[in-house]
Amino acid sequence: MQEERRQLEEGSDVLKTLKAQLDGVEQTIAESQPQLDAATREHSKLEERRTEAERQRGAAEADVAALFPKLEPRAPRPWASTG
């Protein structure tokens, strides 16, 4: 009977420790969520700007090609995305 009681108390202590750890992790997640949301919004805005800049670059290159058809195409820039 004593052994069973000791095991129950130890199990209860383990559960309390795990519950405290879980509460800490959930609090950290809740505190981090606004930062994650802001970063996600910023990423979306930058992605839209990048897409628009690529579209404008393509249009400008088409305009140059139409105005100066004999020019050789420019080599791809290493930092430019491939799609």
N, C-alpha and C. Protein backbone atom coordinates (compact mmCIF):
# COMPACT_ATOMS: atom_id res chain seq x y z
N MET A 1 0.82 -1.19 0.00
CA MET A 1 0.00 0.00 0.00
C MET A 1 0.87 1.26 0.00
N GLN A 2 1.92 1.25 0.81
CA GLN A 2 2.84 2.39 0.87
C GLN A 2 3.51 2.61 -0.49
N GLU A 3 3.90 1.51 -1.11
CA GLU A 3 4.58 1.59 -2.42
C GLU A 3 3.65 2.20 -3.47
N GLU A 4 2.41 1.79 -3.46
CA GLU A 4 1.44 2.34 -4.42
C GLU A 4 1.24 3.84 -4.20
N ARG A 5 1.17 4.23 -2.94
CA ARG A 5 1.00 5.64 -2.62
C ARG A 5 2.21 6.44 -3.10
N ARG A 6 3.41 5.92 -2.86
CA ARG A 6 4.63 6.60 -3.28
C ARG A 6 4.65 6.75 -4.81
N GLN A 7 4.27 5.70 -5.50
CA GLN A 7 4.24 5.75 -6.96
C GLN A 7 3.24 6.79 -7.46
N LEU A 8 2.07 6.85 -6.81
CA LEU A 8 1.06 7.84 -7.19
C LEU A 8 1.58 9.26 -6.95
N GLU A 9 2.25 9.48 -5.84
CA GLU A 9 2.80 10.80 -5.54
C GLU A 9 3.88 11.18 -6.54
N GLU A 10 4.74 10.25 -6.89
CA GLU A 10 5.79 10.51 -7.88
C GLU A 10 5.16 10.83 -9.23
N GLY A 11 4.15 10.05 -9.59
CA GLY A 11 3.45 10.29 -10.86
C GLY A 11 2.80 11.66 -10.87
N SER A 12 2.23 12.03 -9.73
CA SER A 12 1.60 13.34 -9.62
C SER A 12 2.64 14.45 -9.77
N ASP A 13 3.81 14.27 -9.16
CA ASP A 13 4.89 15.26 -9.28
C ASP A 13 5.35 15.40 -10.73
N VAL A 14 5.47 14.28 -11.41
CA VAL A 14 5.88 14.30 -12.81
C VAL A 14 4.83 15.05 -13.64
N LEU A 15 3.56 14.76 -13.39
CA LEU A 15 2.50 15.44 -14.13
C LEU A 15 2.50 16.94 -13.85
N LYS A 16 2.74 17.33 -12.62
CA LYS A 16 2.80 18.77 -12.29
C LYS A 16 3.96 19.43 -13.02
N THR A 17 5.11 18.76 -13.05
CA THR A 17 6.28 19.30 -13.75
C THR A 17 5.99 19.44 -15.24
N LEU A 18 5.41 18.42 -15.83
CA LEU A 18 5.08 18.47 -17.26
C LEU A 18 4.05 19.54 -17.56
N LYS A 19 3.07 19.69 -16.67
CA LYS A 19 2.05 20.73 -16.86
C LYS A 19 2.69 22.11 -16.80
N ALA A 20 3.61 22.32 -15.87
CA ALA A 20 4.29 23.61 -15.77
C ALA A 20 5.10 23.89 -17.03
N GLN A 21 5.78 22.87 -17.55
CA GLN A 21 6.55 23.04 -18.77
C GLN A 21 5.63 23.36 -19.95
N LEU A 22 4.52 22.66 -20.04
CA LEU A 22 3.55 22.90 -21.11
C LEU A 22 3.00 24.32 -21.03
N ASP A 23 2.67 24.75 -19.83
CA ASP A 23 2.17 26.12 -19.65
C ASP A 23 3.21 27.15 -20.12
N GLY A 24 4.48 26.91 -19.80
CA GLY A 24 5.54 27.81 -20.22
C GLY A 24 5.67 27.87 -21.73
N VAL A 25 5.60 26.72 -22.36
CA VAL A 25 5.71 26.67 -23.83
C VAL A 25 4.52 27.36 -24.47
N GLU A 26 3.33 27.12 -23.95
CA GLU A 26 2.14 27.76 -24.51
C GLU A 26 2.20 29.28 -24.33
N GLN A 27 2.73 29.74 -23.22
CA GLN A 27 2.87 31.18 -23.00
C GLN A 27 3.89 31.77 -23.98
N THR A 28 5.00 31.08 -24.20
CA THR A 28 6.00 31.54 -25.16
C THR A 28 5.42 31.63 -26.56
N ILE A 29 4.64 30.64 -26.93
CA ILE A 29 3.99 30.65 -28.25
C ILE A 29 3.04 31.84 -28.36
N ALA A 30 2.23 32.05 -27.34
CA ALA A 30 1.28 33.17 -27.37
C ALA A 30 2.00 34.51 -27.45
N GLU A 31 3.11 34.65 -26.74
CA GLU A 31 3.86 35.90 -26.78
C GLU A 31 4.56 36.10 -28.12
N SER A 32 4.92 35.01 -28.78
CA SER A 32 5.63 35.10 -30.06
C SER A 32 4.70 35.29 -31.25
N GLN A 33 3.44 34.96 -31.10
CA GLN A 33 2.51 34.99 -32.23
C GLN A 33 2.41 36.36 -32.89
N PRO A 34 2.31 37.46 -32.15
CA PRO A 34 2.24 38.77 -32.83
C PRO A 34 3.48 39.05 -33.68
N GLN A 35 4.66 38.65 -33.20
CA GLN A 35 5.88 38.86 -33.98
C GLN A 35 5.84 38.01 -35.25
N LEU A 36 5.38 36.79 -35.13
CA LEU A 36 5.27 35.93 -36.31
C LEU A 36 4.28 36.51 -37.32
N ASP A 37 3.15 36.99 -36.82
CA ASP A 37 2.16 37.59 -37.72
C ASP A 37 2.72 38.81 -38.44
N ALA A 38 3.43 39.66 -37.71
CA ALA A 38 4.03 40.85 -38.32
C ALA A 38 5.07 40.46 -39.37
N ALA A 39 5.89 39.48 -39.05
CA ALA A 39 6.92 39.04 -40.00
C ALA A 39 6.28 38.43 -41.24
N THR A 40 5.20 37.71 -41.07
CA THR A 40 4.50 37.11 -42.21
C THR A 40 3.91 38.20 -43.11
N ARG A 41 3.32 39.24 -42.49
CA ARG A 41 2.78 40.34 -43.29
C ARG A 41 3.90 41.06 -44.05
N GLU A 42 5.00 41.31 -43.38
CA GLU A 42 6.14 41.98 -44.02
C GLU A 42 6.68 41.14 -45.17
N HIS A 43 6.79 39.86 -44.97
CA HIS A 43 7.26 38.97 -46.03
C HIS A 43 6.33 39.03 -47.24
N SER A 44 5.04 39.02 -46.98
CA SER A 44 4.07 39.09 -48.09
C SER A 44 4.21 40.39 -48.87
N LYS A 45 4.38 41.52 -48.14
CA LYS A 45 4.55 42.80 -48.82
C LYS A 45 5.81 42.80 -49.67
N LEU A 46 6.90 42.29 -49.12
CA LEU A 46 8.15 42.26 -49.87
C LEU A 46 8.06 41.34 -51.08
N GLU A 47 7.36 40.23 -50.93
CA GLU A 47 7.18 39.31 -52.05
C GLU A 47 6.37 39.98 -53.16
N GLU A 48 5.34 40.73 -52.79
CA GLU A 48 4.55 41.46 -53.79
C GLU A 48 5.40 42.51 -54.50
N ARG A 49 6.23 43.22 -53.73
CA ARG A 49 7.11 44.23 -54.34
C ARG A 49 8.10 43.58 -55.29
N ARG A 50 8.66 42.43 -54.90
CA ARG A 50 9.61 41.72 -55.75
C ARG A 50 8.94 41.29 -57.05
N THR A 51 7.74 40.74 -56.93
CA THR A 51 7.01 40.29 -58.12
C THR A 51 6.72 41.46 -59.06
N GLU A 52 6.31 42.59 -58.49
CA GLU A 52 6.03 43.78 -59.31
C GLU A 52 7.31 44.30 -59.96
N ALA A 53 8.41 44.30 -59.24
CA ALA A 53 9.68 44.76 -59.80
C ALA A 53 10.11 43.85 -60.95
N GLU A 54 9.92 42.55 -60.80
CA GLU A 54 10.27 41.62 -61.88
C GLU A 54 9.38 41.86 -63.10
N ARG A 55 8.10 42.13 -62.86
CA ARG A 55 7.19 42.41 -63.97
C ARG A 55 7.63 43.68 -64.70
N GLN A 56 7.96 44.71 -63.92
CA GLN A 56 8.40 45.97 -64.53
C GLN A 56 9.71 45.78 -65.28
N ARG A 57 10.61 45.00 -64.73
CA ARG A 57 11.88 44.75 -65.41
C ARG A 57 11.63 44.05 -66.75
N GLY A 58 10.75 43.05 -66.74
CA GLY A 58 10.43 42.36 -67.98
C GLY A 58 9.84 43.29 -69.02
N ALA A 59 8.95 44.18 -68.57
CA ALA A 59 8.34 45.15 -69.49
C ALA A 59 9.40 46.10 -70.03
N ALA A 60 10.30 46.54 -69.17
CA ALA A 60 11.36 47.46 -69.60
C ALA A 60 12.29 46.76 -70.60
N GLU A 61 12.62 45.51 -70.33
CA GLU A 61 13.49 44.77 -71.26
C GLU A 61 12.80 44.59 -72.61
N ALA A 62 11.48 44.36 -72.57
CA ALA A 62 10.74 44.22 -73.83
C ALA A 62 10.73 45.55 -74.59
N ASP A 63 10.57 46.64 -73.86
CA ASP A 63 10.61 47.96 -74.50
C ASP A 63 11.97 48.23 -75.14
N VAL A 64 13.03 47.91 -74.43
CA VAL A 64 14.39 48.12 -74.95
C VAL A 64 14.60 47.24 -76.18
N ALA A 65 14.15 46.01 -76.11
CA ALA A 65 14.31 45.10 -77.25
C ALA A 65 13.55 45.62 -78.47
N ALA A 66 12.39 46.21 -78.23
CA ALA A 66 11.61 46.76 -79.34
C ALA A 66 12.28 48.00 -79.92
N LEU A 67 12.90 48.81 -79.07
CA LEU A 67 13.55 50.03 -79.53
C LEU A 67 14.91 49.76 -80.17
N PHE A 68 15.60 48.78 -79.64
CA PHE A 68 16.96 48.47 -80.10
C PHE A 68 17.07 46.98 -80.39
N PRO A 69 16.46 46.51 -81.47
CA PRO A 69 16.39 45.07 -81.74
C PRO A 69 17.73 44.40 -81.98
N LYS A 70 18.76 45.12 -82.32
CA LYS A 70 20.04 44.49 -82.63
C LYS A 70 20.93 44.29 -81.41
N LEU A 71 20.53 44.83 -80.26
CA LEU A 71 21.34 44.65 -79.06
C LEU A 71 21.29 43.20 -78.60
N GLU A 72 22.42 42.74 -78.10
CA GLU A 72 22.48 41.39 -77.56
C GLU A 72 21.75 41.37 -76.20
N PRO A 73 21.07 40.28 -75.91
CA PRO A 73 20.41 40.20 -74.59
C PRO A 73 21.46 40.20 -73.47
N ARG A 74 21.10 40.79 -72.37
CA ARG A 74 22.01 40.83 -71.21
C ARG A 74 22.12 39.46 -70.58
N ALA A 75 23.30 39.22 -70.05
CA ALA A 75 23.48 37.96 -69.31
C ALA A 75 22.63 38.01 -68.03
N PRO A 76 22.10 36.88 -67.62
CA PRO A 76 21.30 36.88 -66.39
C PRO A 76 22.14 37.33 -65.20
N ARG A 77 21.51 38.07 -64.33
CA ARG A 77 22.20 38.51 -63.13
C ARG A 77 22.16 37.37 -62.11
N PRO A 78 23.29 37.10 -61.45
CA PRO A 78 23.34 35.95 -60.53
C PRO A 78 22.39 36.09 -59.35
N TRP A 79 22.01 37.31 -58.97
CA TRP A 79 21.14 37.49 -57.83
C TRP A 79 19.65 37.44 -58.21
N ALA A 80 19.38 37.48 -59.53
CA ALA A 80 17.99 37.47 -59.98
C ALA A 80 17.40 36.09 -59.79
N SER A 81 16.17 36.05 -59.35
CA SER A 81 15.53 34.75 -59.16
C SER A 81 15.16 34.16 -60.51
N THR A 82 15.04 32.86 -60.54
CA THR A 82 14.70 32.18 -61.79
C THR A 82 13.23 31.83 -61.84
N GLY A 83 12.46 32.32 -60.91
CA GLY A 83 11.04 32.08 -61.01
C GLY A 83 10.52 31.60 -59.76
